C-alpha atoms as a PDB file:
ATOM      1  CA  MET A   1     -20.626  -3.713 -26.477  1.00  0.00           C
ATOM      2  CA  MET A   2     -21.952  -2.006 -23.434  1.00  0.00           C
ATOM      3  CA  GLY A   3     -20.767  -2.580 -19.892  1.00  0.00           C
ATOM      4  CA  GLY A   4     -17.371  -3.874 -20.947  1.00  0.00           C
ATOM      5  CA  GLY A   5     -15.365  -1.616 -18.623  1.00  0.00           C
ATOM      6  CA  ALA A   6     -16.113  -3.425 -15.378  1.00  0.00           C
ATOM      7  CA  HIS A   7     -12.650  -3.822 -13.937  1.00  0.00           C
ATOM      8  CA  THR A   8      -9.689  -5.022 -15.860  1.00  0.00           C
ATOM      9  CA  ASN A   9      -6.552  -6.244 -14.219  1.00  0.00           C
ATOM     10  CA  GLU A  10      -4.666  -6.172 -17.495  1.00  0.00           C
ATOM     11  CA  GLY A  11      -2.176  -3.354 -17.705  1.00  0.00           C
ATOM     12  CA  SER A  12      -2.977  -2.507 -14.063  1.00  0.00           C
ATOM     13  CA  ALA A  13      -4.750   0.581 -12.796  1.00  0.00           C
ATOM     14  CA  ALA A  14      -3.912   4.095 -13.814  1.00  0.00           C
ATOM     15  CA  MET A  15      -0.880   5.354 -11.959  1.00  0.00           C
ATOM     16  CA  ALA A  16      -1.519   7.706  -9.062  1.00  0.00           C
ATOM     17  CA  ALA A  17       0.922   9.650  -6.901  1.00  0.00           C
ATOM     18  CA  GLY A  18       0.469   9.797  -3.143  1.00  0.00           C
ATOM     19  CA  THR A  19       2.157   9.141   0.196  1.00  0.00           C
ATOM     20  CA  ILE A  20       2.937   5.981   2.142  1.00  0.00           C
ATOM     21  CA  ARG A  21       3.152   6.546   5.904  1.00  0.00           C
ATOM     22  CA  TYR A  22       4.975   3.973   7.987  1.00  0.00           C
ATOM     23  CA  TRP A  23       4.197   3.499  11.688  1.00  0.00           C
ATOM     24  CA  ALA A  24       6.097   1.850  14.568  1.00  0.00           C
ATOM     25  CA  ALA A  25       8.105  -1.209  13.413  1.00  0.00           C
ATOM     26  CA  ALA A  26       7.412  -0.423   9.749  1.00  0.00           C
ATOM     27  CA  LYS A  27       8.847   3.075  10.218  1.00  0.00           C
ATOM     28  CA  ALA A  28      11.940   1.629  11.880  1.00  0.00           C
ATOM     29  CA  ALA A  29      12.388  -0.965   9.119  1.00  0.00           C
ATOM     30  CA  ALA A  30      11.917   1.549   6.287  1.00  0.00           C
ATOM     31  CA  GLY A  31      14.124   4.150   7.959  1.00  0.00           C
ATOM     32  CA  VAL A  32      11.630   6.890   7.031  1.00  0.00           C
ATOM     33  CA  ALA A  33       8.261   8.020   8.391  1.00  0.00           C
ATOM     34  CA  GLU A  34       6.790   8.522   4.930  1.00  0.00           C
ATOM     35  CA  GLU A  35       7.656   8.531   1.263  1.00  0.00           C
ATOM     36  CA  PRO A  36       5.919   9.130  -2.042  1.00  0.00           C
ATOM     37  CA  TYR A  37       4.431   6.382  -4.170  1.00  0.00           C
ATOM     38  CA  THR A  38       3.466   6.202  -7.812  1.00  0.00           C
ATOM     39  CA  ALA A  39       1.237   3.173  -8.291  1.00  0.00           C
ATOM     40  CA  GLY A  40      -2.202   2.153  -9.435  1.00  0.00           C
ATOM     41  CA  THR A  41      -2.958  -0.384  -6.716  1.00  0.00           C
ATOM     42  CA  LEU A  42      -1.918  -1.112  -3.158  1.00  0.00           C
ATOM     43  CA  ALA A  43      -0.068  -4.209  -4.393  1.00  0.00           C
ATOM     44  CA  GLU A  44       2.043  -2.096  -6.780  1.00  0.00           C
ATOM     45  CA  ALA A  45       2.833   0.465  -4.060  1.00  0.00           C
ATOM     46  CA  LEU A  46       3.898  -2.267  -1.630  1.00  0.00           C
ATOM     47  CA  ASP A  47       5.998  -4.023  -4.285  1.00  0.00           C
ATOM     48  CA  ALA A  48       7.828  -0.730  -4.861  1.00  0.00           C
ATOM     49  CA  ALA A  49       8.343  -0.272  -1.114  1.00  0.00           C
ATOM     50  CA  ARG A  50       9.786  -3.799  -0.829  1.00  0.00           C
ATOM     51  CA  ALA A  51      12.157  -3.118  -3.732  1.00  0.00           C
ATOM     52  CA  LYS A  52      13.247   0.184  -2.203  1.00  0.00           C
ATOM     53  CA  HIS A  53      13.740  -1.226   1.309  1.00  0.00           C
ATOM     54  CA  PRO A  54      14.788  -4.886   1.002  1.00  0.00           C
ATOM     55  CA  GLY A  55      15.389  -6.675   4.270  1.00  0.00           C
ATOM     56  CA  GLU A  56      13.432  -6.098   7.467  1.00  0.00           C
ATOM     57  CA  LEU A  57      10.608  -4.096   5.879  1.00  0.00           C
ATOM     58  CA  VAL A  58       9.754  -7.047   3.621  1.00  0.00           C
ATOM     59  CA  GLN A  59       9.172  -9.165   6.744  1.00  0.00           C
ATOM     60  CA  VAL A  60       7.343  -6.433   8.663  1.00  0.00           C
ATOM     61  CA  LEU A  61       4.900  -5.811   5.781  1.00  0.00           C
ATOM     62  CA  LYS A  62       3.720  -9.433   6.039  1.00  0.00           C
ATOM     63  CA  ARG A  63       2.290  -8.650   9.487  1.00  0.00           C
ATOM     64  CA  CYS A  64       0.845  -5.206   8.747  1.00  0.00           C
ATOM     65  CA  SER A  65      -2.637  -3.941   8.179  1.00  0.00           C
ATOM     66  CA  PHE A  66      -3.261  -1.060   5.810  1.00  0.00           C
ATOM     67  CA  LEU A  67      -5.501   1.979   5.548  1.00  0.00           C
ATOM     68  CA  VAL A  68      -6.022   3.603   2.162  1.00  0.00           C
ATOM     69  CA  ASP A  69      -7.333   7.141   2.474  1.00  0.00           C
ATOM     70  CA  GLY A  70      -8.558   6.283   5.971  1.00  0.00           C
ATOM     71  CA  ASP A  71     -10.414   3.104   4.972  1.00  0.00           C
ATOM     72  CA  PRO A  72      -9.249  -0.281   6.290  1.00  0.00           C
ATOM     73  CA  VAL A  73      -8.152  -2.673   3.545  1.00  0.00           C
ATOM     74  CA  GLY A  74      -9.023  -5.699   5.662  1.00  0.00           C
ATOM     75  CA  THR A  75      -8.929  -8.982   3.779  1.00  0.00           C
ATOM     76  CA  ARG A  76      -9.367  -7.474   0.294  1.00  0.00           C
ATOM     77  CA  SER A  77      -6.734  -8.538  -2.210  1.00  0.00           C
ATOM     78  CA  HIS A  78      -4.134  -5.776  -2.512  1.00  0.00           C
ATOM     79  CA  GLU A  79      -4.327  -6.084  -6.311  1.00  0.00           C
ATOM     80  CA  THR A  80      -7.955  -4.905  -6.179  1.00  0.00           C
ATOM     81  CA  VAL A  81      -7.368  -1.871  -3.947  1.00  0.00           C
ATOM     82  CA  ARG A  82      -7.070   1.154  -6.263  1.00  0.00           C
ATOM     83  CA  LEU A  83      -5.031   4.159  -5.188  1.00  0.00           C
ATOM     84  CA  ALA A  84      -6.216   7.711  -5.811  1.00  0.00           C
ATOM     85  CA  GLU A  85      -4.163  10.689  -6.920  1.00  0.00           C
ATOM     86  CA  GLY A  86      -2.988  12.510  -3.771  1.00  0.00           C
ATOM     87  CA  GLY A  87      -3.992   9.561  -1.587  1.00  0.00           C
ATOM     88  CA  THR A  88      -2.416   8.162   1.554  1.00  0.00           C
ATOM     89  CA  VAL A  89      -1.506   4.588   2.456  1.00  0.00           C
ATOM     90  CA  GLU A  90      -0.992   3.975   6.187  1.00  0.00           C
ATOM     91  CA  VAL A  91       1.173   0.948   7.046  1.00  0.00           C
ATOM     92  CA  LEU A  92       0.205  -0.311  10.511  1.00  0.00           C
ATOM     93  CA  PRO A  93       2.165  -3.113  12.151  1.00  0.00           C
ATOM     94  CA  PRO A  94       0.533  -4.990  15.016  1.00  0.00           C
ATOM     95  CA  PHE A  95       0.665  -2.805  18.102  1.00  0.00           C
ATOM     96  CA  ALA A  96       1.332  -4.118  21.571  1.00  0.00           C
ATOM     97  CA  GLY A  97      -1.514  -3.284  23.880  1.00  0.00           C
ATOM     98  CA  GLY A  98      -3.258  -4.224  27.019  1.00  0.00           C
END
């Protein structure tokens, strides 16, 4: 059958290794500016971050926006955002501004 490889959520995406960068309140909550990830999707990378840094980071992540390799995630479901080998996830809490 042709065209059967559209996008399967079963078994998740292929694992990729990259870097998560935390900014502002997320950096303070994680206690690090950046750390490596091994995950196939943004959802998997964030689940791992929550498991690694339980507590304040879990709450901060609820308010964050994310860039994956420089592209805003926006309202896309984190389960659908694939991560590339050598990629970067930027974790951006709301910034105070004027």
